[in-house]
C-alpha atoms as a PDB file:
ATOM      1  CA  MET A   1      15.373  19.240   8.575  1.00  0.00           C
ATOM      2  CA  SER A   2      17.558  20.186   5.551  1.00  0.00           C
ATOM      3  CA  GLU A   3      16.916  19.723   1.995  1.00  0.00           C
ATOM      4  CA  ARG A   4      17.825  16.726   0.574  1.00  0.00           C
ATOM      5  CA  GLU A   5      16.546  15.614  -2.731  1.00  0.00           C
ATOM      6  CA  ILE A   6      16.275  11.920  -3.126  1.00  0.00           C
ATOM      7  CA  LYS A   7      18.104  10.911  -5.957  1.00  0.00           C
ATOM      8  CA  ARG A   8      19.781   7.541  -4.788  1.00  0.00           C
ATOM      9  CA  VAL A   9      17.783   5.174  -2.952  1.00  0.00           C
ATOM     10  CA  ALA A  10      18.705   1.638  -1.005  1.00  0.00           C
ATOM     11  CA  ILE A  11      16.638  -1.019  -0.676  1.00  0.00           C
ATOM     12  CA  ILE A  12      17.280  -3.342   1.898  1.00  0.00           C
ATOM     13  CA  GLY A  13      16.544  -7.164   1.504  1.00  0.00           C
ATOM     14  CA  ALA A  14      16.073  -8.562  -1.960  1.00  0.00           C
ATOM     15  CA  GLY A  15      12.585 -10.650  -1.417  1.00  0.00           C
ATOM     16  CA  GLN A  16       9.774 -10.241  -3.127  1.00  0.00           C
ATOM     17  CA  MET A  17       8.787  -6.547  -1.814  1.00  0.00           C
ATOM     18  CA  GLY A  18      12.149  -5.088  -2.159  1.00  0.00           C
ATOM     19  CA  SER A  19      12.487  -6.297  -5.862  1.00  0.00           C
ATOM     20  CA  GLY A  20       9.298  -4.463  -6.970  1.00  0.00           C
ATOM     21  CA  ILE A  21       9.861  -1.573  -4.488  1.00  0.00           C
ATOM     22  CA  SER A  22      13.051  -1.474  -6.264  1.00  0.00           C
ATOM     23  CA  VAL A  23      11.058  -1.358  -9.806  1.00  0.00           C
ATOM     24  CA  GLU A  24       9.683   0.938  -8.685  1.00  0.00           C
ATOM     25  CA  PHE A  25      12.508   3.788  -8.056  1.00  0.00           C
ATOM     26  CA  ALA A  26      13.801   2.364 -11.166  1.00  0.00           C
ATOM     27  CA  ARG A  27      11.088   3.095 -13.938  1.00  0.00           C
ATOM     28  CA  TYR A  28      10.837   6.302 -12.367  1.00  0.00           C
ATOM     29  CA  GLY A  29      14.688   7.108 -13.103  1.00  0.00           C
ATOM     30  CA  TYR A  30      16.252   7.108  -9.553  1.00  0.00           C
ATOM     31  CA  ASP A  31      19.440   5.363  -8.938  1.00  0.00           C
ATOM     32  CA  VAL A  32      19.039   2.013  -6.467  1.00  0.00           C
ATOM     33  CA  THR A  33      20.946  -0.208  -4.650  1.00  0.00           C
ATOM     34  CA  LEU A  34      19.329  -4.094  -3.681  1.00  0.00           C
ATOM     35  CA  GLN A  35      21.358  -4.890  -1.091  1.00  0.00           C
ATOM     36  CA  ASP A  36      21.030  -8.510   0.508  1.00  0.00           C
ATOM     37  CA  ILE A  37      23.264 -10.648   2.876  1.00  0.00           C
ATOM     38  CA  LYS A  38      22.912 -13.880   0.212  1.00  0.00           C
ATOM     39  CA  GLU A  39      24.253 -13.613  -3.288  1.00  0.00           C
ATOM     40  CA  GLU A  40      21.370 -15.665  -4.291  1.00  0.00           C
ATOM     41  CA  ALA A  41      19.096 -14.670  -3.252  1.00  0.00           C
ATOM     42  CA  LEU A  42      20.388 -10.922  -5.356  1.00  0.00           C
ATOM     43  CA  LYS A  43      20.309 -13.363  -8.693  1.00  0.00           C
ATOM     44  CA  HIS A  44      16.354 -14.134  -7.574  1.00  0.00           C
ATOM     45  CA  ALA A  45      15.323 -10.730  -7.448  1.00  0.00           C
ATOM     46  CA  MET A  46      16.938  -9.803 -10.062  1.00  0.00           C
ATOM     47  CA  LYS A  47      15.442 -11.979 -12.695  1.00  0.00           C
ATOM     48  CA  ASN A  48      12.062 -11.455 -10.566  1.00  0.00           C
ATOM     49  CA  ILE A  49      12.620  -7.498 -11.285  1.00  0.00           C
ATOM     50  CA  ARG A  50      13.141  -8.460 -15.169  1.00  0.00           C
ATOM     51  CA  ALA A  51       9.766 -10.828 -15.228  1.00  0.00           C
ATOM     52  CA  ASP A  52       7.999  -7.094 -13.955  1.00  0.00           C
ATOM     53  CA  LEU A  53       9.518  -5.163 -16.500  1.00  0.00           C
ATOM     54  CA  ASP A  54       8.965  -7.264 -19.305  1.00  0.00           C
ATOM     55  CA  LEU A  55       5.116  -7.631 -18.243  1.00  0.00           C
ATOM     56  CA  MET A  56       4.918  -3.923 -18.369  1.00  0.00           C
ATOM     57  CA  VAL A  57       6.084  -3.578 -21.632  1.00  0.00           C
ATOM     58  CA  GLU A  58       3.913  -6.158 -22.605  1.00  0.00           C
ATOM     59  CA  THR A  59       1.449  -4.783 -21.285  1.00  0.00           C
ATOM     60  CA  GLU A  60       2.196  -1.726 -22.648  1.00  0.00           C
ATOM     61  CA  LEU A  61       2.451   0.128 -19.245  1.00  0.00           C
ATOM     62  CA  ILE A  62       5.971   0.933 -20.394  1.00  0.00           C
ATOM     63  CA  ARG A  63       8.308   0.858 -23.834  1.00  0.00           C
ATOM     64  CA  ASP A  64      11.074  -1.353 -24.321  1.00  0.00           C
ATOM     65  CA  ASN A  65      13.651   1.221 -23.940  1.00  0.00           C
ATOM     66  CA  GLU A  66      12.024   2.585 -20.696  1.00  0.00           C
ATOM     67  CA  ALA A  67      12.178  -1.104 -19.360  1.00  0.00           C
ATOM     68  CA  ALA A  68      16.335  -1.044 -20.487  1.00  0.00           C
ATOM     69  CA  VAL A  69      16.781   2.455 -18.521  1.00  0.00           C
ATOM     70  CA  ALA A  70      15.202   1.521 -15.530  1.00  0.00           C
ATOM     71  CA  LEU A  71      17.460  -1.855 -15.355  1.00  0.00           C
ATOM     72  CA  SER A  72      20.595  -0.187 -15.900  1.00  0.00           C
ATOM     73  CA  LYS A  73      19.207   2.258 -12.812  1.00  0.00           C
ATOM     74  CA  ILE A  74      19.290  -1.390 -10.310  1.00  0.00           C
ATOM     75  CA  ILE A  75      22.789  -2.388  -9.086  1.00  0.00           C
ATOM     76  CA  THR A  76      23.455  -5.211  -6.562  1.00  0.00           C
ATOM     77  CA  THR A  77      25.303  -5.537  -3.207  1.00  0.00           C
ATOM     78  CA  LEU A  78      26.051  -8.025  -0.503  1.00  0.00           C
ATOM     79  CA  ASN A  79      27.578  -5.296   1.636  1.00  0.00           C
ATOM     80  CA  ILE A  80      24.915  -2.677   3.433  1.00  0.00           C
ATOM     81  CA  ALA A  81      27.480  -0.194   4.132  1.00  0.00           C
ATOM     82  CA  ASP A  82      28.079   0.250   0.315  1.00  0.00           C
ATOM     83  CA  ALA A  83      24.305   0.529  -0.555  1.00  0.00           C
ATOM     84  CA  VAL A  84      23.747   2.790   2.007  1.00  0.00           C
ATOM     85  CA  LYS A  85      27.228   4.864   1.122  1.00  0.00           C
ATOM     86  CA  ASP A  86      25.344   8.134  -1.243  1.00  0.00           C
ATOM     87  CA  ALA A  87      21.711   6.990  -0.798  1.00  0.00           C
ATOM     88  CA  ASP A  88      18.937   9.733   0.056  1.00  0.00           C
ATOM     89  CA  HIS A  89      16.478   7.540   1.394  1.00  0.00           C
ATOM     90  CA  ILE A  90      16.282   3.871   2.762  1.00  0.00           C
ATOM     91  CA  VAL A  91      13.564   1.368   2.349  1.00  0.00           C
ATOM     92  CA  GLU A  92      14.298  -1.624   4.904  1.00  0.00           C
ATOM     93  CA  ALA A  93      12.242  -5.008   3.663  1.00  0.00           C
ATOM     94  CA  VAL A  94      13.966  -7.170   5.410  1.00  0.00           C
ATOM     95  CA  SER A  95      11.619 -10.209   6.747  1.00  0.00           C
ATOM     96  CA  GLU A  96       9.080  -9.495   9.483  1.00  0.00           C
ATOM     97  CA  ASN A  97      11.273 -10.445  12.399  1.00  0.00           C
ATOM     98  CA  LEU A  98      11.417  -7.349  15.098  1.00  0.00           C
ATOM     99  CA  THR A  99      14.723  -7.897  16.539  1.00  0.00           C
ATOM    100  CA  LEU A 100      16.016  -8.189  13.032  1.00  0.00           C
ATOM    101  CA  LYS A 101      14.321  -4.750  12.025  1.00  0.00           C
ATOM    102  CA  GLN A 102      15.982  -3.301  14.970  1.00  0.00           C
ATOM    103  CA  GLN A 103      19.185  -4.401  14.050  1.00  0.00           C
ATOM    104  CA  VAL A 104      19.246  -2.592  10.078  1.00  0.00           C
ATOM    105  CA  PHE A 105      17.701   0.418  11.938  1.00  0.00           C
ATOM    106  CA  ALA A 106      20.273   0.642  14.497  1.00  0.00           C
ATOM    107  CA  GLN A 107      23.047   0.435  11.953  1.00  0.00           C
ATOM    108  CA  LEU A 108      21.519   2.363   9.414  1.00  0.00           C
ATOM    109  CA  ASP A 109      20.924   5.166  11.681  1.00  0.00           C
ATOM    110  CA  GLU A 110      24.979   5.277  12.592  1.00  0.00           C
ATOM    111  CA  LEU A 111      25.442   4.604   9.042  1.00  0.00           C
ATOM    112  CA  CYS A 112      23.340   7.292   7.473  1.00  0.00           C
ATOM    113  CA  ALA A 113      23.991  11.020   7.057  1.00  0.00           C
ATOM    114  CA  PRO A 114      21.131  12.309  10.033  1.00  0.00           C
ATOM    115  CA  ASP A 115      18.622  13.968   6.909  1.00  0.00           C
ATOM    116  CA  VAL A 116      19.126  10.509   4.983  1.00  0.00           C
ATOM    117  CA  THR A 117      15.245   9.269   5.585  1.00  0.00           C
ATOM    118  CA  LEU A 118      14.896   5.885   6.844  1.00  0.00           C
ATOM    119  CA  ALA A 119      11.779   3.556   5.682  1.00  0.00           C
ATOM    120  CA  THR A 120      10.279   0.399   7.235  1.00  0.00           C
ATOM    121  CA  ASN A 121       7.916  -1.223   4.274  1.00  0.00           C
ATOM    122  CA  SER A 122       6.620  -3.395   7.333  1.00  0.00           C
ATOM    123  CA  SER A 123       3.014  -4.310   7.095  1.00  0.00           C
ATOM    124  CA  THR A 124       2.405  -5.500  10.842  1.00  0.00           C
ATOM    125  CA  MET A 125       5.264  -4.171  12.697  1.00  0.00           C
ATOM    126  CA  ARG A 126       5.327   0.308  14.583  1.00  0.00           C
ATOM    127  CA  VAL A 127       7.793   2.784  14.023  1.00  0.00           C
ATOM    128  CA  ASP A 128       8.240   2.905  17.433  1.00  0.00           C
ATOM    129  CA  ASP A 129       9.609  -0.413  18.008  1.00  0.00           C
ATOM    130  CA  CYS A 130      11.416  -0.741  15.094  1.00  0.00           C
ATOM    131  CA  ALA A 131      13.590   2.235  15.390  1.00  0.00           C
ATOM    132  CA  ALA A 132      13.856   1.359  19.580  1.00  0.00           C
ATOM    133  CA  ASN A 133      17.267   0.824  19.628  1.00  0.00           C
ATOM    134  CA  VAL A 134      18.215   3.927  17.388  1.00  0.00           C
ATOM    135  CA  LYS A 135      20.527   6.107  19.451  1.00  0.00           C
ATOM    136  CA  HIS A 136      20.612   9.618  17.318  1.00  0.00           C
ATOM    137  CA  HIS A 137      18.136  10.476  14.919  1.00  0.00           C
ATOM    138  CA  PRO A 138      14.768   8.657  15.123  1.00  0.00           C
ATOM    139  CA  GLU A 139      12.577  11.770  13.721  1.00  0.00           C
ATOM    140  CA  ARG A 140      13.716  10.098  10.087  1.00  0.00           C
ATOM    141  CA  ILE A 141      12.049   6.983  10.632  1.00  0.00           C
ATOM    142  CA  LEU A 142       8.917   6.282   8.926  1.00  0.00           C
ATOM    143  CA  ILE A 143       6.442   3.522   7.870  1.00  0.00           C
ATOM    144  CA  THR A 144       6.052   3.156   3.529  1.00  0.00           C
ATOM    145  CA  HIS A 145       4.474   0.231   3.683  1.00  0.00           C
ATOM    146  CA  TYR A 146       3.607  -0.958   0.071  1.00  0.00           C
ATOM    147  CA  TRP A 147       1.409  -3.418  -0.902  1.00  0.00           C
ATOM    148  CA  TYR A 148       1.900  -6.775  -2.900  1.00  0.00           C
ATOM    149  CA  PRO A 149       2.776  -6.526  -5.441  1.00  0.00           C
ATOM    150  CA  ALA A 150       4.274  -3.461  -5.386  1.00  0.00           C
ATOM    151  CA  PRO A 151       4.562  -2.257  -8.833  1.00  0.00           C
ATOM    152  CA  PHE A 152       1.500  -3.364 -10.082  1.00  0.00           C
ATOM    153  CA  ILE A 153      -1.144  -2.124  -6.618  1.00  0.00           C
ATOM    154  CA  PRO A 154      -0.443   1.486  -6.582  1.00  0.00           C
ATOM    155  CA  LEU A 155      -1.265   2.413  -2.837  1.00  0.00           C
ATOM    156  CA  VAL A 156       1.510   3.143  -0.079  1.00  0.00           C
ATOM    157  CA  GLU A 157       0.823   4.342   3.056  1.00  0.00           C
ATOM    158  CA  VAL A 158       3.084   6.512   4.907  1.00  0.00           C
ATOM    159  CA  ILE A 159       2.960   6.497   8.507  1.00  0.00           C
ATOM    160  CA  GLY A 160       4.973   8.481  11.458  1.00  0.00           C
ATOM    161  CA  GLY A 161       5.655   6.833  14.703  1.00  0.00           C
ATOM    162  CA  LYS A 162       5.901   9.099  18.135  1.00  0.00           C
ATOM    163  CA  ARG A 163       9.290  10.517  17.426  1.00  0.00           C
ATOM    164  CA  THR A 164       9.091  10.559  13.917  1.00  0.00           C
ATOM    165  CA  ASN A 165       9.481  14.044  11.828  1.00  0.00           C
ATOM    166  CA  PRO A 166       6.398  14.906   9.872  1.00  0.00           C
ATOM    167  CA  LEU A 167       7.864  17.320   7.725  1.00  0.00           C
ATOM    168  CA  TYR A 168       9.655  13.755   6.328  1.00  0.00           C
ATOM    169  CA  LEU A 169       5.954  12.090   5.853  1.00  0.00           C
ATOM    170  CA  GLU A 170       4.776  14.754   3.615  1.00  0.00           C
ATOM    171  CA  LYS A 171       8.746  14.510   2.013  1.00  0.00           C
ATOM    172  CA  LEU A 172       8.002  10.731   1.010  1.00  0.00           C
ATOM    173  CA  ALA A 173       4.497  10.998   0.179  1.00  0.00           C
ATOM    174  CA  LYS A 174       5.647  13.490  -2.610  1.00  0.00           C
ATOM    175  CA  VAL A 175       8.201  11.602  -3.763  1.00  0.00           C
ATOM    176  CA  LEU A 176       5.593   8.685  -3.425  1.00  0.00           C
ATOM    177  CA  ARG A 177       2.460  10.519  -5.567  1.00  0.00           C
ATOM    178  CA  SER A 178       5.069  11.467  -7.712  1.00  0.00           C
ATOM    179  CA  MET A 179       5.756   8.017  -9.114  1.00  0.00           C
ATOM    180  CA  HIS A 180       1.981   8.057  -9.408  1.00  0.00           C
ATOM    181  CA  LYS A 181       1.509   6.011  -6.107  1.00  0.00           C
ATOM    182  CA  ARG A 182      -2.140   6.744  -4.025  1.00  0.00           C
ATOM    183  CA  VAL A 183      -0.643   7.599  -0.430  1.00  0.00           C
ATOM    184  CA  VAL A 184      -2.387   7.278   2.167  1.00  0.00           C
ATOM    185  CA  LEU A 185      -0.633  10.205   4.909  1.00  0.00           C
ATOM    186  CA  GLN A 186      -0.992   8.341   8.215  1.00  0.00           C
ATOM    187  CA  LYS A 187       0.931  10.925  10.721  1.00  0.00           C
ATOM    188  CA  LEU A 188       0.583   8.751  13.945  1.00  0.00           C
ATOM    189  CA  GLU A 189       1.075   4.820  14.030  1.00  0.00           C
ATOM    190  CA  LEU A 190      -1.904   2.773  15.902  1.00  0.00           C
ATOM    191  CA  PRO A 191      -1.323   2.316  19.399  1.00  0.00           C
ATOM    192  CA  THR A 192      -1.044  -1.716  18.740  1.00  0.00           C
ATOM    193  CA  GLY A 193       0.168  -3.657  15.458  1.00  0.00           C
ATOM    194  CA  PRO A 194      -1.054  -3.025  13.039  1.00  0.00           C
ATOM    195  CA  ALA A 195       0.408   0.012  12.783  1.00  0.00           C
ATOM    196  CA  GLY A 196      -1.815   1.150   9.636  1.00  0.00           C
ATOM    197  CA  TRP A 197      -5.336   1.650   8.946  1.00  0.00           C
ATOM    198  CA  GLY A 198      -4.963  -0.429   5.957  1.00  0.00           C
ATOM    199  CA  ASN A 199      -4.175  -4.044   7.576  1.00  0.00           C
ATOM    200  CA  ALA A 200      -6.453  -2.791  10.588  1.00  0.00           C
ATOM    201  CA  LEU A 201      -9.053  -3.086   8.360  1.00  0.00           C
ATOM    202  CA  GLN A 202      -8.031  -6.378   6.336  1.00  0.00           C
ATOM    203  CA  HIS A 203      -7.147  -8.343   9.384  1.00  0.00           C
ATOM    204  CA  PRO A 204     -10.600  -8.755  10.573  1.00  0.00           C
ATOM    205  CA  ILE A 205     -11.686  -9.590   7.480  1.00  0.00           C
ATOM    206  CA  GLU A 206      -9.012 -12.678   7.746  1.00  0.00           C
ATOM    207  CA  ASN A 207     -10.365 -13.574  11.334  1.00  0.00           C
ATOM    208  CA  VAL A 208     -13.641 -13.934  10.325  1.00  0.00           C
ATOM    209  CA  ALA A 209     -12.480 -16.426   7.245  1.00  0.00           C
ATOM    210  CA  ARG A 210     -10.372 -18.520   9.370  1.00  0.00           C
ATOM    211  CA  LYS A 211     -13.353 -19.020  11.991  1.00  0.00           C
ATOM    212  CA  PHE A 212     -15.507 -19.899   9.356  1.00  0.00           C
ATOM    213  CA  VAL A 213     -12.939 -22.769   8.507  1.00  0.00           C
ATOM    214  CA  ASP A 214     -12.606 -23.685  12.035  1.00  0.00           C
ATOM    215  CA  ASP A 215     -15.948 -23.573  12.828  1.00  0.00           C
ATOM    216  CA  THR A 216     -18.662 -24.017  10.099  1.00  0.00           C
ATOM    217  CA  GLY A 217     -16.863 -26.696   8.044  1.00  0.00           C
ATOM    218  CA  CYS A 218     -17.048 -23.774   5.269  1.00  0.00           C
ATOM    219  CA  ASP A 219     -14.323 -24.723   2.391  1.00  0.00           C
ATOM    220  CA  PRO A 220     -11.376 -22.631   2.538  1.00  0.00           C
ATOM    221  CA  THR A 221     -11.320 -22.270  -1.405  1.00  0.00           C
ATOM    222  CA  ILE A 222     -15.873 -21.157  -0.500  1.00  0.00           C
ATOM    223  CA  VAL A 223     -14.377 -18.244   1.531  1.00  0.00           C
ATOM    224  CA  ASP A 224     -12.102 -17.417  -1.432  1.00  0.00           C
ATOM    225  CA  GLU A 225     -14.996 -17.810  -3.725  1.00  0.00           C
ATOM    226  CA  LEU A 226     -17.474 -15.134  -2.107  1.00  0.00           C
ATOM    227  CA  ILE A 227     -15.158 -12.738  -1.669  1.00  0.00           C
ATOM    228  CA  ARG A 228     -13.490 -12.911  -5.310  1.00  0.00           C
ATOM    229  CA  PHE A 229     -17.239 -13.631  -6.958  1.00  0.00           C
ATOM    230  CA  GLY A 230     -18.848 -11.338  -4.764  1.00  0.00           C
ATOM    231  CA  PHE A 231     -18.474  -8.672  -2.618  1.00  0.00           C
ATOM    232  CA  GLY A 232     -14.793  -8.142  -3.060  1.00  0.00           C
ATOM    233  CA  ARG A 233     -15.521  -7.485  -6.611  1.00  0.00           C
ATOM    234  CA  ARG A 234     -16.881  -4.176  -6.343  1.00  0.00           C
ATOM    235  CA  ILE A 235     -14.535  -3.212  -3.193  1.00  0.00           C
ATOM    236  CA  PRO A 236     -11.975  -2.057  -5.630  1.00  0.00           C
ATOM    237  CA  PHE A 237     -13.813   0.364  -7.496  1.00  0.00           C
ATOM    238  CA  THR A 238     -16.258   1.931  -4.635  1.00  0.00           C
ATOM    239  CA  GLY A 239     -14.687   1.095  -1.552  1.00  0.00           C
ATOM    240  CA  ILE A 240     -17.256   1.335   1.461  1.00  0.00           C
ATOM    241  CA  PHE A 241     -18.330   4.618   1.590  1.00  0.00           C
ATOM    242  CA  MET A 242     -18.483   5.277  -1.768  1.00  0.00           C
ATOM    243  CA  ARG A 243     -20.886   2.707  -1.923  1.00  0.00           C
ATOM    244  CA  TYR A 244     -23.017   3.957   0.943  1.00  0.00           C
ATOM    245  CA  ASP A 245     -23.336   6.881  -1.544  1.00  0.00           C
ATOM    246  CA  ILE A 246     -24.426   4.784  -4.149  1.00  0.00           C
ATOM    247  CA  ILE A 247     -26.689   2.655  -2.788  1.00  0.00           C
ATOM    248  CA  GLY A 248     -28.548   5.723  -0.731  1.00  0.00           C
ATOM    249  CA  LEU A 249     -27.623   6.882   3.026  1.00  0.00           C
ATOM    250  CA  ASP A 250     -31.117   7.096   3.425  1.00  0.00           C
ATOM    251  CA  PHE A 251     -31.242   3.071   3.052  1.00  0.00           C
ATOM    252  CA  PHE A 252     -29.171   3.044   5.987  1.00  0.00           C
ATOM    253  CA  TYR A 253     -30.705   5.502   8.080  1.00  0.00           C
ATOM    254  CA  ASN A 254     -34.539   3.782   7.664  1.00  0.00           C
ATOM    255  CA  ASN A 255     -33.117   0.689   7.963  1.00  0.00           C
ATOM    256  CA  ALA A 256     -31.512   0.594  11.523  1.00  0.00           C
ATOM    257  CA  LYS A 257     -34.656   3.138  12.772  1.00  0.00           C
ATOM    258  CA  ALA A 258     -37.147   0.156  11.900  1.00  0.00           C
ATOM    259  CA  ARG A 259     -34.771  -2.505  12.928  1.00  0.00           C
ATOM    260  CA  GLY A 260     -34.444  -0.252  16.184  1.00  0.00           C
ATOM    261  CA  GLY A 261     -31.153  -0.611  16.291  1.00  0.00           C
ATOM    262  CA  GLU A 262     -28.625   2.641  16.612  1.00  0.00           C
ATOM    263  CA  ILE A 263     -27.895   5.023  13.731  1.00  0.00           C
ATOM    264  CA  TRP A 264     -24.527   5.996  13.195  1.00  0.00           C
ATOM    265  CA  GLN A 265     -23.634   8.972  13.877  1.00  0.00           C
ATOM    266  CA  GLN A 266     -22.165  10.324  10.174  1.00  0.00           C
ATOM    267  CA  ILE A 267     -25.096   8.456   9.044  1.00  0.00           C
ATOM    268  CA  LYS A 268     -27.734  10.526  10.702  1.00  0.00           C
ATOM    269  CA  GLU A 269     -25.770  13.802  10.090  1.00  0.00           C
ATOM    270  CA  ARG A 270     -25.717  13.191   6.486  1.00  0.00           C
ATOM    271  CA  VAL A 271     -29.302  12.145   6.568  1.00  0.00           C
ATOM    272  CA  GLU A 272     -31.159  15.029   8.293  1.00  0.00           C
ATOM    273  CA  ARG A 273     -29.154  17.523   6.529  1.00  0.00           C
ATOM    274  CA  GLY A 274     -30.182  15.581   3.201  1.00  0.00           C
ATOM    275  CA  GLU A 275     -27.699  14.271   2.207  1.00  0.00           C
ATOM    276  CA  THR A 276     -28.119  10.947   0.762  1.00  0.00           C
ATOM    277  CA  GLY A 277     -25.494  10.378  -1.602  1.00  0.00           C
ATOM    278  CA  VAL A 278     -25.669  10.156  -5.486  1.00  0.00           C
ATOM    279  CA  LYS A 279     -29.518  10.950  -5.399  1.00  0.00           C
ATOM    280  CA  SER A 280     -28.988  14.205  -3.598  1.00  0.00           C
ATOM    281  CA  GLY A 281     -25.470  14.485  -5.463  1.00  0.00           C
ATOM    282  CA  LYS A 282     -24.034  14.869  -1.956  1.00  0.00           C
ATOM    283  CA  GLY A 283     -22.766  12.166   0.922  1.00  0.00           C
ATOM    284  CA  PHE A 284     -19.783  11.542   1.775  1.00  0.00           C
ATOM    285  CA  TYR A 285     -18.386  12.119  -1.875  1.00  0.00           C
ATOM    286  CA  ASP A 286     -19.773  15.329  -3.711  1.00  0.00           C
ATOM    287  CA  TRP A 287     -21.627  14.000  -7.251  1.00  0.00           C
ATOM    288  CA  PRO A 288     -22.222  17.166  -9.474  1.00  0.00           C
ATOM    289  CA  ASP A 289     -23.918  16.856 -12.870  1.00  0.00           C
ATOM    290  CA  ASP A 290     -23.374  13.751 -14.603  1.00  0.00           C
ATOM    291  CA  THR A 291     -20.658  12.259 -12.074  1.00  0.00           C
ATOM    292  CA  ALA A 292     -22.455   9.106 -10.668  1.00  0.00           C
ATOM    293  CA  LYS A 293     -23.916   8.203 -14.127  1.00  0.00           C
ATOM    294  CA  GLN A 294     -20.323   7.992 -15.626  1.00  0.00           C
ATOM    295  CA  PHE A 295     -19.113   6.728 -12.905  1.00  0.00           C
ATOM    296  CA  ALA A 296     -21.734   4.042 -12.857  1.00  0.00           C
ATOM    297  CA  ARG A 297     -20.996   3.009 -16.721  1.00  0.00           C
ATOM    298  CA  ASN A 298     -17.428   3.284 -16.009  1.00  0.00           C
ATOM    299  CA  TYR A 299     -17.607   0.593 -13.103  1.00  0.00           C
ATOM    300  CA  ASN A 300     -19.698  -1.733 -14.603  1.00  0.00           C
ATOM    301  CA  ILE A 301     -18.283  -1.520 -18.180  1.00  0.00           C
ATOM    302  CA  GLU A 302     -14.877  -2.879 -15.364  1.00  0.00           C
ATOM    303  CA  LEU A 303     -17.134  -5.760 -14.123  1.00  0.00           C
ATOM    304  CA  ILE A 304     -18.208  -6.766 -17.464  1.00  0.00           C
ATOM    305  CA  ASN A 305     -14.560  -6.819 -18.441  1.00  0.00           C
ATOM    306  CA  LEU A 306     -13.529  -8.793 -15.711  1.00  0.00           C
ATOM    307  CA  MET A 307     -16.883 -11.492 -16.287  1.00  0.00           C
ATOM    308  CA  LYS A 308     -15.672 -12.087 -19.989  1.00  0.00           C
ATOM    309  CA  GLN A 309     -12.182 -13.367 -18.217  1.00  0.00           C
ATOM    310  CA  ASP A 310     -13.757 -15.266 -15.784  1.00  0.00           C
ATOM    311  CA  ILE A 311     -15.884 -17.285 -18.789  1.00  0.00           C
ATOM    312  CA  GLN A 312     -12.557 -17.223 -20.762  1.00  0.00           C
ATOM    313  CA  ARG A 313     -10.686 -19.068 -18.107  1.00  0.00           C
ATOM    314  CA  GLY A 314     -14.059 -21.450 -17.452  1.00  0.00           C
ATOM    315  CA  ASP A 315     -13.868 -19.846 -13.627  1.00  0.00           C
ATOM    316  CA  ILE A 316     -17.579 -18.808 -14.239  1.00  0.00           C
END
């Protein structure tokens, strides 16, 4: 694998994700070419890009001059060959249509030099499926899955297929981390869709929500309230296993034991080593000194700020 430095990026598809990803690269100094087959889509994308940059200025994430420079870094074209001609990295962000993605990657494989990395932003499809018709260099194809809205959600999943060279995964992970993205690197996609761990976690919640609506008469708005004002509010701060540490792993250990249930091995081993989470200073995470106290303070401040916004909007 050559050490091609990424300086120019092409985004194929000017929808919500394509425009958002363009903002991300442009504001960190990359030259971006945004391509779509419809002129109207490109005009709409540039309007969204300006709005995103304006909001960043309004919220003091970036300065006025930085927004102007970022905007100047983005050009548009209707021609895919022109878009990728000088690109060092390409992100496919067309609609979630497998046949279309296969066509795009087969075309990119023919147009691009062997060391140009090709990424799909697909949230549901797999690398191996998208690259099924690629004849020459499938090893440089991977997933970089941004979460909507791309400029404002830190997470990007970098995911490989069976034919992906792991060095390309590391290369893209390094680039994205330099852009203040939180990268989760998954060397091999899940065997069935969705390819990434993120959606594999998210989809069961959506399936249960739909089942509630269909089977119990639960109104869709109530499902959203349960998430928005309840457990969904703490998930951004604690995830799953950090919350376990805060509550205490011994709680889950004793609870399962009292019910006669099987204790999850990951918890069983930790508790029996005396690692019960925050109270012992170690669980799934290390909690040295006053780390837990400071975390709880910051967490509660964020919750209070959200609650104040709820009251101001009349949501509670």
